[in-house]
């Protein structure tokens, strides 16, 4: 019977050992193994992607794209230079126009002084300087009135913004005494 007993013990040991191994590997994958596998898969995928992109995109097409990009950059740079030159020339032309306008105005003013009487020449000169009496004429036409809710003040009276406005002398003394009274209750 020792053989039967030893085989039973062996079976029990194997079952116990198997359960022990099973208990140690209870999670299907450990975190370390999962991280290692995902890192390896990521690297292999990156290498495969680089190889496929090199084989699918021939060097001639890459060179064409680079040349197209370089040409586009040159065109943009040229356009920016053209715009800057255009605005510089426009500024110069506007300056020339201003000078010409000034010269025409001076010519007209000299002619007005020489060819007309003094009153007309003064009006022409004032018009050129932009100081016509249009503002004075407009002020004459406007009827200036105080606001409707404004109370006129005569000398010796208090104004509407005064603290004593509308109070008589006896009312002022009563107003001062009221806060000092104490209620007894």
C-alpha atoms as a PDB file:
ATOM      1  CA  UNK A   1       0.000   0.000   0.000  1.00  0.00           C
ATOM      2  CA  UNK A   2       2.827   2.367   0.269  1.00  0.00           C
ATOM      3  CA  UNK A   3       2.728   2.778  -3.461  1.00  0.00           C
ATOM      4  CA  UNK A   4      -0.903   3.717  -3.415  1.00  0.00           C
ATOM      5  CA  UNK A   5      -0.331   6.062  -0.587  1.00  0.00           C
ATOM      6  CA  UNK A   6       2.649   7.689  -2.260  1.00  0.00           C
ATOM      7  CA  UNK A   7       0.731   8.086  -5.528  1.00  0.00           C
ATOM      8  CA  UNK A   8      -2.124   9.699  -3.641  1.00  0.00           C
ATOM      9  CA  UNK A   9       0.310  12.012  -1.934  1.00  0.00           C
ATOM     10  CA  UNK A  10       1.889  12.806  -5.278  1.00  0.00           C
ATOM     11  CA  UNK A  11      -1.466  13.632  -6.777  1.00  0.00           C
ATOM     12  CA  UNK A  12      -2.329  15.828  -3.836  1.00  0.00           C
ATOM     13  CA  UNK A  13       1.043  17.574  -4.142  1.00  0.00           C
ATOM     14  CA  UNK A  14       0.530  18.140  -7.868  1.00  0.00           C
ATOM     15  CA  UNK A  15      -2.953  19.531  -7.302  1.00  0.00           C
ATOM     16  CA  UNK A  16      -1.686  21.760  -4.489  1.00  0.00           C
ATOM     17  CA  UNK A  17       1.299  22.893  -6.607  1.00  0.00           C
ATOM     18  CA  UNK A  18      -0.965  23.600  -9.572  1.00  0.00           C
ATOM     19  CA  UNK A  19      -3.308  25.613  -7.417  1.00  0.00           C
ATOM     20  CA  UNK A  20      -0.330  27.519  -6.049  1.00  0.00           C
ATOM     21  CA  UNK A  21       0.907  28.328  -9.574  1.00  0.00           C
ATOM     22  CA  UNK A  22      -2.615  29.254 -10.619  1.00  0.00           C
ATOM     23  CA  UNK A  23      -2.991  31.591  -7.657  1.00  0.00           C
ATOM     24  CA  UNK A  24       0.293  33.339  -8.512  1.00  0.00           C
ATOM     25  CA  UNK A  25      -0.845  34.045 -12.061  1.00  0.00           C
ATOM     26  CA  UNK A  26      -4.346  35.171 -11.193  1.00  0.00           C
ATOM     27  CA  UNK A  27      -4.299  38.302 -13.406  1.00  0.00           C
ATOM     28  CA  UNK A  28      -4.192  37.380 -17.059  1.00  0.00           C
ATOM     29  CA  UNK A  29      -1.405  39.890 -17.863  1.00  0.00           C
ATOM     30  CA  UNK A  30       0.637  41.886 -15.433  1.00  0.00           C
ATOM     31  CA  UNK A  31       1.064  45.639 -15.900  1.00  0.00           C
ATOM     32  CA  UNK A  32       4.769  45.306 -16.714  1.00  0.00           C
ATOM     33  CA  UNK A  33       4.124  42.812 -19.498  1.00  0.00           C
ATOM     34  CA  UNK A  34       1.348  44.969 -20.920  1.00  0.00           C
ATOM     35  CA  UNK A  35       3.606  48.058 -20.995  1.00  0.00           C
ATOM     36  CA  UNK A  36       6.479  46.138 -22.615  1.00  0.00           C
ATOM     37  CA  UNK A  37       4.269  44.635 -25.293  1.00  0.00           C
ATOM     38  CA  UNK A  38       2.634  47.966 -26.126  1.00  0.00           C
ATOM     39  CA  UNK A  39       6.053  49.684 -26.358  1.00  0.00           C
ATOM     40  CA  UNK A  40       7.375  47.004 -28.694  1.00  0.00           C
ATOM     41  CA  UNK A  41       4.247  47.184 -30.866  1.00  0.00           C
ATOM     42  CA  UNK A  42       4.512  51.001 -31.014  1.00  0.00           C
ATOM     43  CA  UNK A  43       8.173  50.874 -32.109  1.00  0.00           C
ATOM     44  CA  UNK A  44       7.513  48.196 -34.714  1.00  0.00           C
ATOM     45  CA  UNK A  45       4.537  50.180 -36.035  1.00  0.00           C
ATOM     46  CA  UNK A  46       6.645  53.339 -36.291  1.00  0.00           C
ATOM     47  CA  UNK A  47       9.372  51.517 -38.199  1.00  0.00           C
ATOM     48  CA  UNK A  48       6.836  49.938 -40.541  1.00  0.00           C
ATOM     49  CA  UNK A  49       5.196  53.323 -41.130  1.00  0.00           C
ATOM     50  CA  UNK A  50       8.544  54.940 -41.970  1.00  0.00           C
ATOM     51  CA  UNK A  51       9.475  52.127 -44.350  1.00  0.00           C
ATOM     52  CA  UNK A  52       6.086  52.186 -46.074  1.00  0.00           C
ATOM     53  CA  UNK A  53       6.124  55.980 -46.458  1.00  0.00           C
ATOM     54  CA  UNK A  54       9.600  55.841 -48.012  1.00  0.00           C
ATOM     55  CA  UNK A  55       8.599  53.156 -50.461  1.00  0.00           C
ATOM     56  CA  UNK A  56       5.208  54.630 -51.390  1.00  0.00           C
ATOM     57  CA  UNK A  57       6.461  58.220 -51.794  1.00  0.00           C
ATOM     58  CA  UNK A  58       9.302  58.126 -54.291  1.00  0.00           C
ATOM     59  CA  UNK A  59      12.225  60.552 -53.891  1.00  0.00           C
ATOM     60  CA  UNK A  60      11.280  62.341 -57.126  1.00  0.00           C
ATOM     61  CA  UNK A  61       7.898  63.277 -55.715  1.00  0.00           C
ATOM     62  CA  UNK A  62       9.546  64.487 -52.491  1.00  0.00           C
ATOM     63  CA  UNK A  63      11.906  66.657 -54.510  1.00  0.00           C
ATOM     64  CA  UNK A  64       8.974  68.044 -56.505  1.00  0.00           C
ATOM     65  CA  UNK A  65       7.148  68.915 -53.296  1.00  0.00           C
ATOM     66  CA  UNK A  66      10.242  70.608 -51.863  1.00  0.00           C
ATOM     67  CA  UNK A  67      10.724  72.614 -55.074  1.00  0.00           C
ATOM     68  CA  UNK A  68       7.063  73.627 -55.062  1.00  0.00           C
ATOM     69  CA  UNK A  69       7.349  74.749 -51.450  1.00  0.00           C
ATOM     70  CA  UNK A  70      10.499  76.748 -52.200  1.00  0.00           C
ATOM     71  CA  UNK A  71       8.829  78.386 -55.224  1.00  0.00           C
ATOM     72  CA  UNK A  72       5.784  79.317 -53.133  1.00  0.00           C
ATOM     73  CA  UNK A  73       8.026  80.887 -50.487  1.00  0.00           C
ATOM     74  CA  UNK A  74       9.838  82.927 -53.145  1.00  0.00           C
ATOM     75  CA  UNK A  75       6.527  84.112 -54.626  1.00  0.00           C
ATOM     76  CA  UNK A  76       5.307  85.176 -51.179  1.00  0.00           C
ATOM     77  CA  UNK A  77       8.524  87.076 -50.526  1.00  0.00           C
ATOM     78  CA  UNK A  78       8.267  88.829 -53.910  1.00  0.00           C
ATOM     79  CA  UNK A  79       4.623  89.717 -53.252  1.00  0.00           C
ATOM     80  CA  UNK A  80       5.519  91.236 -49.871  1.00  0.00           C
ATOM     81  CA  UNK A  81       8.252  93.322 -51.517  1.00  0.00           C
ATOM     82  CA  UNK A  82       5.806  94.481 -54.219  1.00  0.00           C
ATOM     83  CA  UNK A  83       3.261  95.544 -51.597  1.00  0.00           C
ATOM     84  CA  UNK A  84       5.884  97.477 -49.627  1.00  0.00           C
ATOM     85  CA  UNK A  85       7.099  99.187 -52.808  1.00  0.00           C
ATOM     86  CA  UNK A  86       3.516 100.049 -53.812  1.00  0.00           C
ATOM     87  CA  UNK A  87       2.785 101.745 -50.493  1.00  0.00           C
ATOM     88  CA  UNK A  88       6.088 103.634 -50.546  1.00  0.00           C
ATOM     89  CA  UNK A  89       5.295 104.957 -54.030  1.00  0.00           C
ATOM     90  CA  UNK A  90       1.718 105.815 -52.988  1.00  0.00           C
ATOM     91  CA  UNK A  91       3.042 107.764 -50.018  1.00  0.00           C
ATOM     92  CA  UNK A  92       5.419 109.684 -52.274  1.00  0.00           C
ATOM     93  CA  UNK A  93       2.615 110.505 -54.746  1.00  0.00           C
ATOM     94  CA  UNK A  94       0.281 111.688 -51.968  1.00  0.00           C
ATOM     95  CA  UNK A  95       3.068 113.923 -50.663  1.00  0.00           C
ATOM     96  CA  UNK A  96       3.533 115.365 -54.171  1.00  0.00           C
ATOM     97  CA  UNK A  97      -0.231 115.901 -54.450  1.00  0.00           C
ATOM     98  CA  UNK A  98      -0.258 117.746 -51.137  1.00  0.00           C
ATOM     99  CA  UNK A  99       2.614 119.955 -52.263  1.00  0.00           C
ATOM    100  CA  UNK A 100       0.820 120.693 -55.556  1.00  0.00           C
ATOM    101  CA  UNK A 101      -2.378 121.574 -53.702  1.00  0.00           C
ATOM    102  CA  UNK A 102      -0.421 123.897 -51.430  1.00  0.00           C
ATOM    103  CA  UNK A 103       1.199 125.582 -54.433  1.00  0.00           C
ATOM    104  CA  UNK A 104      -2.199 126.028 -56.164  1.00  0.00           C
ATOM    105  CA  UNK A 105      -3.660 127.524 -52.995  1.00  0.00           C
ATOM    106  CA  UNK A 106      -0.744 129.924 -52.623  1.00  0.00           C
ATOM    107  CA  UNK A 107      -1.115 130.928 -56.268  1.00  0.00           C
ATOM    108  CA  UNK A 108      -4.839 131.615 -55.779  1.00  0.00           C
ATOM    109  CA  UNK A 109      -4.155 133.576 -52.605  1.00  0.00           C
ATOM    110  CA  UNK A 110      -1.534 135.740 -54.330  1.00  0.00           C
ATOM    111  CA  UNK A 111      -3.947 136.339 -57.204  1.00  0.00           C
ATOM    112  CA  UNK A 112      -6.742 137.241 -54.786  1.00  0.00           C
ATOM    113  CA  UNK A 113      -4.536 139.701 -52.945  1.00  0.00           C
ATOM    114  CA  UNK A 114      -3.314 141.286 -56.159  1.00  0.00           C
ATOM    115  CA  UNK A 115      -6.548 141.260 -58.151  1.00  0.00           C
ATOM    116  CA  UNK A 116      -9.383 141.770 -55.625  1.00  0.00           C
ATOM    117  CA  UNK A 117     -10.227 144.137 -52.801  1.00  0.00           C
ATOM    118  CA  UNK A 118      -9.019 143.508 -49.254  1.00  0.00           C
ATOM    119  CA  UNK A 119     -12.297 142.071 -47.873  1.00  0.00           C
ATOM    120  CA  UNK A 120     -12.529 139.326 -50.504  1.00  0.00           C
ATOM    121  CA  UNK A 121      -8.836 138.509 -50.192  1.00  0.00           C
ATOM    122  CA  UNK A 122      -9.191 138.108 -46.394  1.00  0.00           C
ATOM    123  CA  UNK A 123     -12.106 135.698 -46.875  1.00  0.00           C
ATOM    124  CA  UNK A 124     -10.118 133.674 -49.411  1.00  0.00           C
ATOM    125  CA  UNK A 125      -7.106 133.521 -47.089  1.00  0.00           C
ATOM    126  CA  UNK A 126      -9.317 132.527 -44.156  1.00  0.00           C
ATOM    127  CA  UNK A 127     -10.961 129.819 -46.284  1.00  0.00           C
ATOM    128  CA  UNK A 128      -7.549 128.405 -47.147  1.00  0.00           C
ATOM    129  CA  UNK A 129      -6.581 128.263 -43.502  1.00  0.00           C
ATOM    130  CA  UNK A 130      -9.899 126.691 -42.556  1.00  0.00           C
ATOM    131  CA  UNK A 131     -10.778 129.479 -40.126  1.00  0.00           C
ATOM    132  CA  UNK A 132     -13.965 130.784 -41.663  1.00  0.00           C
ATOM    133  CA  UNK A 133     -16.444 132.405 -39.344  1.00  0.00           C
ATOM    134  CA  UNK A 134     -18.882 129.570 -39.846  1.00  0.00           C
ATOM    135  CA  UNK A 135     -18.643 128.683 -36.169  1.00  0.00           C
ATOM    136  CA  UNK A 136     -19.439 132.237 -35.076  1.00  0.00           C
ATOM    137  CA  UNK A 137     -22.386 132.353 -37.464  1.00  0.00           C
ATOM    138  CA  UNK A 138     -23.656 129.049 -36.098  1.00  0.00           C
ATOM    139  CA  UNK A 139     -23.332 130.323 -32.511  1.00  0.00           C
ATOM    140  CA  UNK A 140     -25.407 133.381 -33.384  1.00  0.00           C
ATOM    141  CA  UNK A 141     -28.198 131.174 -34.684  1.00  0.00           C
ATOM    142  CA  UNK A 142     -28.312 128.939 -31.586  1.00  0.00           C
ATOM    143  CA  UNK A 143     -30.562 130.254 -28.841  1.00  0.00           C
ATOM    144  CA  UNK A 144     -28.835 129.490 -25.528  1.00  0.00           C
ATOM    145  CA  UNK A 145     -31.162 128.949 -22.570  1.00  0.00           C
ATOM    146  CA  UNK A 146     -30.595 127.579 -19.076  1.00  0.00           C
ATOM    147  CA  UNK A 147     -32.005 124.117 -18.347  1.00  0.00           C
ATOM    148  CA  UNK A 148     -35.730 124.025 -17.592  1.00  0.00           C
ATOM    149  CA  UNK A 149     -35.193 122.571 -14.101  1.00  0.00           C
ATOM    150  CA  UNK A 150     -32.652 125.218 -13.150  1.00  0.00           C
ATOM    151  CA  UNK A 151     -33.681 127.798 -10.562  1.00  0.00           C
ATOM    152  CA  UNK A 152     -32.199 131.239 -11.216  1.00  0.00           C
ATOM    153  CA  UNK A 153     -30.200 132.732  -8.364  1.00  0.00           C
ATOM    154  CA  UNK A 154     -30.114 136.386  -7.507  1.00  0.00           C
ATOM    155  CA  UNK A 155     -27.222 137.893  -5.552  1.00  0.00           C
ATOM    156  CA  UNK A 156     -27.604 137.161  -1.845  1.00  0.00           C
ATOM    157  CA  UNK A 157     -29.618 133.968  -2.334  1.00  0.00           C
ATOM    158  CA  UNK A 158     -28.281 130.468  -1.836  1.00  0.00           C
ATOM    159  CA  UNK A 159     -27.908 128.266  -4.885  1.00  0.00           C
ATOM    160  CA  UNK A 160     -29.716 125.000  -5.513  1.00  0.00           C
ATOM    161  CA  UNK A 161     -26.640 122.988  -4.606  1.00  0.00           C
ATOM    162  CA  UNK A 162     -26.269 124.661  -1.219  1.00  0.00           C
ATOM    163  CA  UNK A 163     -27.133 122.625   1.891  1.00  0.00           C
ATOM    164  CA  UNK A 164     -29.398 125.388   3.177  1.00  0.00           C
ATOM    165  CA  UNK A 165     -31.333 125.811  -0.077  1.00  0.00           C
ATOM    166  CA  UNK A 166     -35.034 126.216   0.641  1.00  0.00           C
ATOM    167  CA  UNK A 167     -34.661 126.269   4.464  1.00  0.00           C
ATOM    168  CA  UNK A 168     -35.579 129.273   6.613  1.00  0.00           C
ATOM    169  CA  UNK A 169     -33.392 130.312   9.587  1.00  0.00           C
ATOM    170  CA  UNK A 170     -35.840 128.853  12.143  1.00  0.00           C
ATOM    171  CA  UNK A 171     -36.036 125.600  10.161  1.00  0.00           C
ATOM    172  CA  UNK A 172     -32.229 125.340  10.186  1.00  0.00           C
ATOM    173  CA  UNK A 173     -32.062 125.616  13.985  1.00  0.00           C
ATOM    174  CA  UNK A 174     -34.830 123.009  14.385  1.00  0.00           C
ATOM    175  CA  UNK A 175     -33.048 120.673  11.990  1.00  0.00           C
ATOM    176  CA  UNK A 176     -29.900 120.943  14.084  1.00  0.00           C
ATOM    177  CA  UNK A 177     -31.756 120.280  17.368  1.00  0.00           C
ATOM    178  CA  UNK A 178     -33.649 117.190  16.204  1.00  0.00           C
ATOM    179  CA  UNK A 179     -30.667 114.813  16.146  1.00  0.00           C
ATOM    180  CA  UNK A 180     -29.598 115.832  19.683  1.00  0.00           C
ATOM    181  CA  UNK A 181     -32.966 114.893  21.305  1.00  0.00           C
ATOM    182  CA  UNK A 182     -33.075 111.518  23.013  1.00  0.00           C
ATOM    183  CA  UNK A 183     -36.122 109.370  23.193  1.00  0.00           C
ATOM    184  CA  UNK A 184     -37.121 108.203  26.601  1.00  0.00           C
ATOM    185  CA  UNK A 185     -39.244 105.179  26.530  1.00  0.00           C
END
